[in-house]
Amino acid sequence: MLVRSLETPQMRVGLVITSAIILLALLGPTFAPHSPSAYVAPPFSGPSGAAPLGTDFLGRDVLSRVLYGGR
């Protein structure tokens, strides 16, 4: 049954997406541009070179916090 389900395109797409999410959760901290607790810009700043997804209410990089949060 498992072998037959791998033949369907939906199963393959789902497996690729799930694998990508797991890989990102495991390797995310490696690619994070800053420490999750580092203050990089003024609070609530929009996307910039220092913080690609902007900053939170304390001025911490949202991208770094998301990548570390996957663990």
C-alpha atoms as a PDB file:
ATOM      1  CA  MET A   1       0.000   0.000   0.000  1.00  0.00           C
ATOM      2  CA  LEU A   2       2.824   2.429   0.819  1.00  0.00           C
ATOM      3  CA  VAL A   3       4.612   1.686  -2.448  1.00  0.00           C
ATOM      4  CA  ARG A   4       1.425   2.311  -4.442  1.00  0.00           C
ATOM      5  CA  SER A   5       0.793   5.590  -2.631  1.00  0.00           C
ATOM      6  CA  LEU A   6       4.286   6.822  -3.553  1.00  0.00           C
ATOM      7  CA  GLU A   7       3.294   6.501  -7.211  1.00  0.00           C
ATOM      8  CA  THR A   8       0.700   9.270  -6.897  1.00  0.00           C
ATOM      9  CA  PRO A   9       1.779  12.862  -7.600  1.00  0.00           C
ATOM     10  CA  GLN A  10      -0.016  14.150  -4.484  1.00  0.00           C
ATOM     11  CA  MET A  11       2.001  11.850  -2.244  1.00  0.00           C
ATOM     12  CA  ARG A  12       5.274  12.887  -3.871  1.00  0.00           C
ATOM     13  CA  VAL A  13       4.491  16.593  -3.505  1.00  0.00           C
ATOM     14  CA  GLY A  14       3.467  16.089   0.121  1.00  0.00           C
ATOM     15  CA  LEU A  15       6.634  14.134   0.833  1.00  0.00           C
ATOM     16  CA  VAL A  16       8.826  16.844  -0.722  1.00  0.00           C
ATOM     17  CA  ILE A  17       7.087  19.614   1.255  1.00  0.00           C
ATOM     18  CA  THR A  18       7.296  17.664   4.513  1.00  0.00           C
ATOM     19  CA  SER A  19      10.964  16.856   3.922  1.00  0.00           C
ATOM     20  CA  ALA A  20      11.741  20.514   3.197  1.00  0.00           C
ATOM     21  CA  ILE A  21      10.060  21.637   6.425  1.00  0.00           C
ATOM     22  CA  ILE A  22      11.923  19.051   8.498  1.00  0.00           C
ATOM     23  CA  LEU A  23      15.230  19.949   6.858  1.00  0.00           C
ATOM     24  CA  LEU A  24      14.637  23.650   7.456  1.00  0.00           C
ATOM     25  CA  ALA A  25      13.774  22.998  11.107  1.00  0.00           C
ATOM     26  CA  LEU A  26      16.981  21.018  11.594  1.00  0.00           C
ATOM     27  CA  LEU A  27      19.315  23.305   9.644  1.00  0.00           C
ATOM     28  CA  GLY A  28      17.533  26.642  10.141  1.00  0.00           C
ATOM     29  CA  PRO A  29      19.771  27.955  12.932  1.00  0.00           C
ATOM     30  CA  THR A  30      22.764  27.425  10.637  1.00  0.00           C
ATOM     31  CA  PHE A  31      21.319  29.871   8.092  1.00  0.00           C
ATOM     32  CA  ALA A  32      19.987  32.430  10.572  1.00  0.00           C
ATOM     33  CA  PRO A  33      21.637  35.800   9.975  1.00  0.00           C
ATOM     34  CA  HIS A  34      21.544  36.856  13.670  1.00  0.00           C
ATOM     35  CA  SER A  35      21.112  35.419  17.128  1.00  0.00           C
ATOM     36  CA  PRO A  36      17.401  35.121  18.005  1.00  0.00           C
ATOM     37  CA  SER A  37      17.900  37.458  20.970  1.00  0.00           C
ATOM     38  CA  ALA A  38      20.089  40.084  19.252  1.00  0.00           C
ATOM     39  CA  TYR A  39      18.689  43.575  18.746  1.00  0.00           C
ATOM     40  CA  VAL A  40      19.331  44.491  15.112  1.00  0.00           C
ATOM     41  CA  ALA A  41      17.073  47.478  14.351  1.00  0.00           C
ATOM     42  CA  PRO A  42      14.432  49.723  15.925  1.00  0.00           C
ATOM     43  CA  PRO A  43      11.213  47.969  17.005  1.00  0.00           C
ATOM     44  CA  PHE A  44       8.603  47.251  14.327  1.00  0.00           C
ATOM     45  CA  SER A  45      10.993  48.092  11.473  1.00  0.00           C
ATOM     46  CA  GLY A  46       9.995  46.882   8.048  1.00  0.00           C
ATOM     47  CA  PRO A  47      12.068  44.529   5.920  1.00  0.00           C
ATOM     48  CA  SER A  48      15.630  45.706   5.292  1.00  0.00           C
ATOM     49  CA  GLY A  49      19.082  44.329   4.646  1.00  0.00           C
ATOM     50  CA  ALA A  50      19.662  43.820   8.370  1.00  0.00           C
ATOM     51  CA  ALA A  51      16.286  42.141   8.966  1.00  0.00           C
ATOM     52  CA  PRO A  52      14.773  40.534   5.823  1.00  0.00           C
ATOM     53  CA  LEU A  53      11.370  39.956   7.495  1.00  0.00           C
ATOM     54  CA  GLY A  54      11.508  43.044   9.695  1.00  0.00           C
ATOM     55  CA  THR A  55      11.780  43.242  13.464  1.00  0.00           C
ATOM     56  CA  ASP A  56       9.488  42.459  16.365  1.00  0.00           C
ATOM     57  CA  PHE A  57       8.363  44.732  19.209  1.00  0.00           C
ATOM     58  CA  LEU A  58      11.843  44.652  20.790  1.00  0.00           C
ATOM     59  CA  GLY A  59      13.875  45.107  17.587  1.00  0.00           C
ATOM     60  CA  ARG A  60      14.915  41.471  17.116  1.00  0.00           C
ATOM     61  CA  ASP A  61      15.169  39.913  13.632  1.00  0.00           C
ATOM     62  CA  VAL A  62      11.978  37.983  12.824  1.00  0.00           C
ATOM     63  CA  LEU A  63      13.668  35.681  10.272  1.00  0.00           C
ATOM     64  CA  SER A  64      16.285  34.545  12.788  1.00  0.00           C
ATOM     65  CA  ARG A  65      13.605  33.934  15.404  1.00  0.00           C
ATOM     66  CA  VAL A  66      11.512  31.844  12.969  1.00  0.00           C
ATOM     67  CA  LEU A  67      14.513  29.745  11.920  1.00  0.00           C
ATOM     68  CA  TYR A  68      15.535  29.112  15.524  1.00  0.00           C
ATOM     69  CA  GLY A  69      11.917  28.435  16.490  1.00  0.00           C
ATOM     70  CA  GLY A  70      11.747  25.447  14.154  1.00  0.00           C
ATOM     71  CA  ARG A  71      13.908  23.448  16.516  1.00  0.00           C
END
